[in-house]
Amino acid sequence: MEGPQAFPRAARLTDAADYRYVFSDAIKLSDRYFVVLYRPGRGRGARLGLAIAKKRLRRAVDRNRVKRLVRERFRHWRARLGSRDLVVLARDGLAARDKATLSASLDRLFGQVAQDSA
């Protein structure tokens, strides 16, 4: 898939070393739904990693819905995030929230990351 809906391999954190890099000395932003950890990237462009725990969202359908939403919002913001590696974690209470609420939450957090990269 290409175009604005694409989520190419170059836009993903793909291995344990990438996640360790972000977790080791991350800048942390959070609200009541998500935690975003980020560091200056080691590649060109922003890259996203997801850590959506089964402990937070028991049903696979809920985890997958949240992951799709996070990827969608990341694609929207990617060009403005600079060269950053990000990991998004879910907090309790996410499953009961609607798409608009969660999208607004991610937009606020990604907006803060984008301001930091400017």
C-alpha atoms as a PDB file:
ATOM      1  CA  MET A   1       0.000   0.000   0.000  1.00  0.00           C
ATOM      2  CA  GLU A   2       1.250   3.460  -0.841  1.00  0.00           C
ATOM      3  CA  GLY A   3       0.033   6.992  -0.310  1.00  0.00           C
ATOM      4  CA  PRO A   4      -1.256   8.682   2.821  1.00  0.00           C
ATOM      5  CA  GLN A   5      -2.662   5.446   4.282  1.00  0.00           C
ATOM      6  CA  ALA A   6       0.640   3.597   3.996  1.00  0.00           C
ATOM      7  CA  PHE A   7       2.521   2.574   7.099  1.00  0.00           C
ATOM      8  CA  PRO A   8       5.873   1.577   5.603  1.00  0.00           C
ATOM      9  CA  ARG A   9       8.497  -0.442   7.423  1.00  0.00           C
ATOM     10  CA  ALA A  10      10.674   2.690   7.629  1.00  0.00           C
ATOM     11  CA  ALA A  11       7.971   4.284   9.833  1.00  0.00           C
ATOM     12  CA  ARG A  12       7.970   1.477  12.432  1.00  0.00           C
ATOM     13  CA  LEU A  13      10.148   0.455  15.339  1.00  0.00           C
ATOM     14  CA  THR A  14      10.880  -3.076  14.221  1.00  0.00           C
ATOM     15  CA  ASP A  15      13.065  -4.811  16.787  1.00  0.00           C
ATOM     16  CA  ALA A  16      13.840  -4.996  20.480  1.00  0.00           C
ATOM     17  CA  ALA A  17      16.883  -2.733  20.139  1.00  0.00           C
ATOM     18  CA  ASP A  18      14.679   0.068  18.786  1.00  0.00           C
ATOM     19  CA  TYR A  19      12.307  -0.252  21.753  1.00  0.00           C
ATOM     20  CA  ARG A  20      15.214  -0.423  24.244  1.00  0.00           C
ATOM     21  CA  TYR A  21      16.617   2.769  22.726  1.00  0.00           C
ATOM     22  CA  VAL A  22      13.365   4.645  23.349  1.00  0.00           C
ATOM     23  CA  PHE A  23      12.684   3.169  26.801  1.00  0.00           C
ATOM     24  CA  SER A  24      16.256   3.765  28.025  1.00  0.00           C
ATOM     25  CA  ASP A  25      16.128   7.570  28.227  1.00  0.00           C
ATOM     26  CA  ALA A  26      12.756   8.721  26.942  1.00  0.00           C
ATOM     27  CA  ILE A  27      10.918  11.980  27.224  1.00  0.00           C
ATOM     28  CA  LYS A  28       7.470  11.112  28.580  1.00  0.00           C
ATOM     29  CA  LEU A  29       4.143  12.731  27.800  1.00  0.00           C
ATOM     30  CA  SER A  30       0.865  11.381  29.077  1.00  0.00           C
ATOM     31  CA  ASP A  31      -2.789  12.008  29.662  1.00  0.00           C
ATOM     32  CA  ARG A  32      -5.582   9.868  31.019  1.00  0.00           C
ATOM     33  CA  TYR A  33      -5.631   7.513  27.987  1.00  0.00           C
ATOM     34  CA  PHE A  34      -2.097   7.215  26.582  1.00  0.00           C
ATOM     35  CA  VAL A  35       1.581   7.523  27.459  1.00  0.00           C
ATOM     36  CA  VAL A  36       3.921   8.623  24.671  1.00  0.00           C
ATOM     37  CA  LEU A  37       7.639   8.019  25.105  1.00  0.00           C
ATOM     38  CA  TYR A  38      10.002   9.532  22.558  1.00  0.00           C
ATOM     39  CA  ARG A  39      13.627  10.238  21.769  1.00  0.00           C
ATOM     40  CA  PRO A  40      15.510  11.766  18.876  1.00  0.00           C
ATOM     41  CA  GLY A  41      15.385   9.249  16.059  1.00  0.00           C
ATOM     42  CA  ARG A  42      18.262   7.287  14.653  1.00  0.00           C
ATOM     43  CA  GLY A  43      16.884   7.364  11.131  1.00  0.00           C
ATOM     44  CA  ARG A  44      15.175   9.762   8.809  1.00  0.00           C
ATOM     45  CA  GLY A  45      11.627  10.642   9.790  1.00  0.00           C
ATOM     46  CA  ALA A  46       9.465   9.679  12.727  1.00  0.00           C
ATOM     47  CA  ARG A  47       8.995   6.013  13.647  1.00  0.00           C
ATOM     48  CA  LEU A  48       6.261   4.482  15.776  1.00  0.00           C
ATOM     49  CA  GLY A  49       6.219   1.554  18.163  1.00  0.00           C
ATOM     50  CA  LEU A  50       3.142   0.273  19.983  1.00  0.00           C
ATOM     51  CA  ALA A  51       3.043  -1.334  23.424  1.00  0.00           C
ATOM     52  CA  ILE A  52      -0.658  -2.009  23.967  1.00  0.00           C
ATOM     53  CA  ALA A  53      -0.755  -4.413  26.896  1.00  0.00           C
ATOM     54  CA  LYS A  54      -3.282  -7.191  27.332  1.00  0.00           C
ATOM     55  CA  LYS A  55      -3.437  -6.159  30.986  1.00  0.00           C
ATOM     56  CA  ARG A  56      -4.909  -2.792  29.918  1.00  0.00           C
ATOM     57  CA  LEU A  57      -7.187  -4.045  27.127  1.00  0.00           C
ATOM     58  CA  ARG A  58      -8.259  -7.635  27.693  1.00  0.00           C
ATOM     59  CA  ARG A  59     -10.024  -8.266  24.408  1.00  0.00           C
ATOM     60  CA  ALA A  60      -7.978  -8.569  21.219  1.00  0.00           C
ATOM     61  CA  VAL A  61     -10.637  -6.645  19.307  1.00  0.00           C
ATOM     62  CA  ASP A  62     -10.117  -3.666  21.652  1.00  0.00           C
ATOM     63  CA  ARG A  63      -6.324  -3.831  21.397  1.00  0.00           C
ATOM     64  CA  ASN A  64      -6.496  -3.978  17.616  1.00  0.00           C
ATOM     65  CA  ARG A  65      -8.961  -1.077  17.440  1.00  0.00           C
ATOM     66  CA  VAL A  66      -6.644   1.084  19.547  1.00  0.00           C
ATOM     67  CA  LYS A  67      -3.604   0.097  17.484  1.00  0.00           C
ATOM     68  CA  ARG A  68      -5.385   1.003  14.247  1.00  0.00           C
ATOM     69  CA  LEU A  69      -6.387   4.352  15.712  1.00  0.00           C
ATOM     70  CA  VAL A  70      -2.852   5.141  16.936  1.00  0.00           C
ATOM     71  CA  ARG A  71      -1.388   4.246  13.527  1.00  0.00           C
ATOM     72  CA  GLU A  72      -3.994   6.426  11.790  1.00  0.00           C
ATOM     73  CA  ARG A  73      -3.209   9.465  13.962  1.00  0.00           C
ATOM     74  CA  PHE A  74       0.543   8.838  13.615  1.00  0.00           C
ATOM     75  CA  ARG A  75       0.256   8.844   9.807  1.00  0.00           C
ATOM     76  CA  HIS A  76      -1.543  12.167  10.055  1.00  0.00           C
ATOM     77  CA  TRP A  77       1.206  13.688  12.250  1.00  0.00           C
ATOM     78  CA  ARG A  78       4.307  11.916  10.908  1.00  0.00           C
ATOM     79  CA  ALA A  79       5.581  14.697   8.657  1.00  0.00           C
ATOM     80  CA  ARG A  80       5.430  17.180  11.572  1.00  0.00           C
ATOM     81  CA  LEU A  81       7.151  14.974  14.150  1.00  0.00           C
ATOM     82  CA  GLY A  82      10.641  15.379  12.741  1.00  0.00           C
ATOM     83  CA  SER A  83      13.134  12.610  13.327  1.00  0.00           C
ATOM     84  CA  ARG A  84      11.721  11.027  16.483  1.00  0.00           C
ATOM     85  CA  ASP A  85      11.254   7.463  17.675  1.00  0.00           C
ATOM     86  CA  LEU A  86       7.988   7.129  19.609  1.00  0.00           C
ATOM     87  CA  VAL A  87       6.400   4.371  21.647  1.00  0.00           C
ATOM     88  CA  VAL A  88       2.719   4.667  22.539  1.00  0.00           C
ATOM     89  CA  LEU A  89       1.368   2.806  25.572  1.00  0.00           C
ATOM     90  CA  ALA A  90      -2.278   2.447  26.585  1.00  0.00           C
ATOM     91  CA  ARG A  91      -3.668   3.274  30.005  1.00  0.00           C
ATOM     92  CA  ASP A  92      -6.636   1.724  31.798  1.00  0.00           C
ATOM     93  CA  GLY A  93     -10.121   2.715  30.712  1.00  0.00           C
ATOM     94  CA  LEU A  94      -9.412   2.986  27.012  1.00  0.00           C
ATOM     95  CA  ALA A  95     -11.813   0.325  25.760  1.00  0.00           C
ATOM     96  CA  ALA A  96     -14.932   2.245  26.765  1.00  0.00           C
ATOM     97  CA  ARG A  97     -13.904   5.466  25.001  1.00  0.00           C
ATOM     98  CA  ASP A  98     -15.062   6.492  21.550  1.00  0.00           C
ATOM     99  CA  LYS A  99     -12.825   7.162  18.572  1.00  0.00           C
ATOM    100  CA  ALA A 100     -13.219  10.947  18.732  1.00  0.00           C
ATOM    101  CA  THR A 101     -12.082  11.114  22.366  1.00  0.00           C
ATOM    102  CA  LEU A 102      -9.052   8.917  21.762  1.00  0.00           C
ATOM    103  CA  SER A 103      -8.156  10.751  18.533  1.00  0.00           C
ATOM    104  CA  ALA A 104      -8.260  14.093  20.346  1.00  0.00           C
ATOM    105  CA  SER A 105      -6.022  12.679  23.076  1.00  0.00           C
ATOM    106  CA  LEU A 106      -3.458  11.441  20.539  1.00  0.00           C
ATOM    107  CA  ASP A 107      -3.600  14.709  18.612  1.00  0.00           C
ATOM    108  CA  ARG A 108      -2.757  16.645  21.798  1.00  0.00           C
ATOM    109  CA  LEU A 109       0.157  14.348  22.630  1.00  0.00           C
ATOM    110  CA  PHE A 110       1.544  14.209  19.073  1.00  0.00           C
ATOM    111  CA  GLY A 111       1.145  18.001  18.892  1.00  0.00           C
ATOM    112  CA  GLN A 112       3.335  18.354  21.982  1.00  0.00           C
ATOM    113  CA  VAL A 113       5.969  16.083  20.432  1.00  0.00           C
ATOM    114  CA  ALA A 114       5.833  18.124  17.209  1.00  0.00           C
ATOM    115  CA  GLN A 115       6.349  21.379  19.162  1.00  0.00           C
ATOM    116  CA  ASP A 116       9.372  19.863  20.879  1.00  0.00           C
ATOM    117  CA  SER A 117      10.853  18.869  17.523  1.00  0.00           C
ATOM    118  CA  ALA A 118      10.449  22.333  16.042  1.00  0.00           C
END
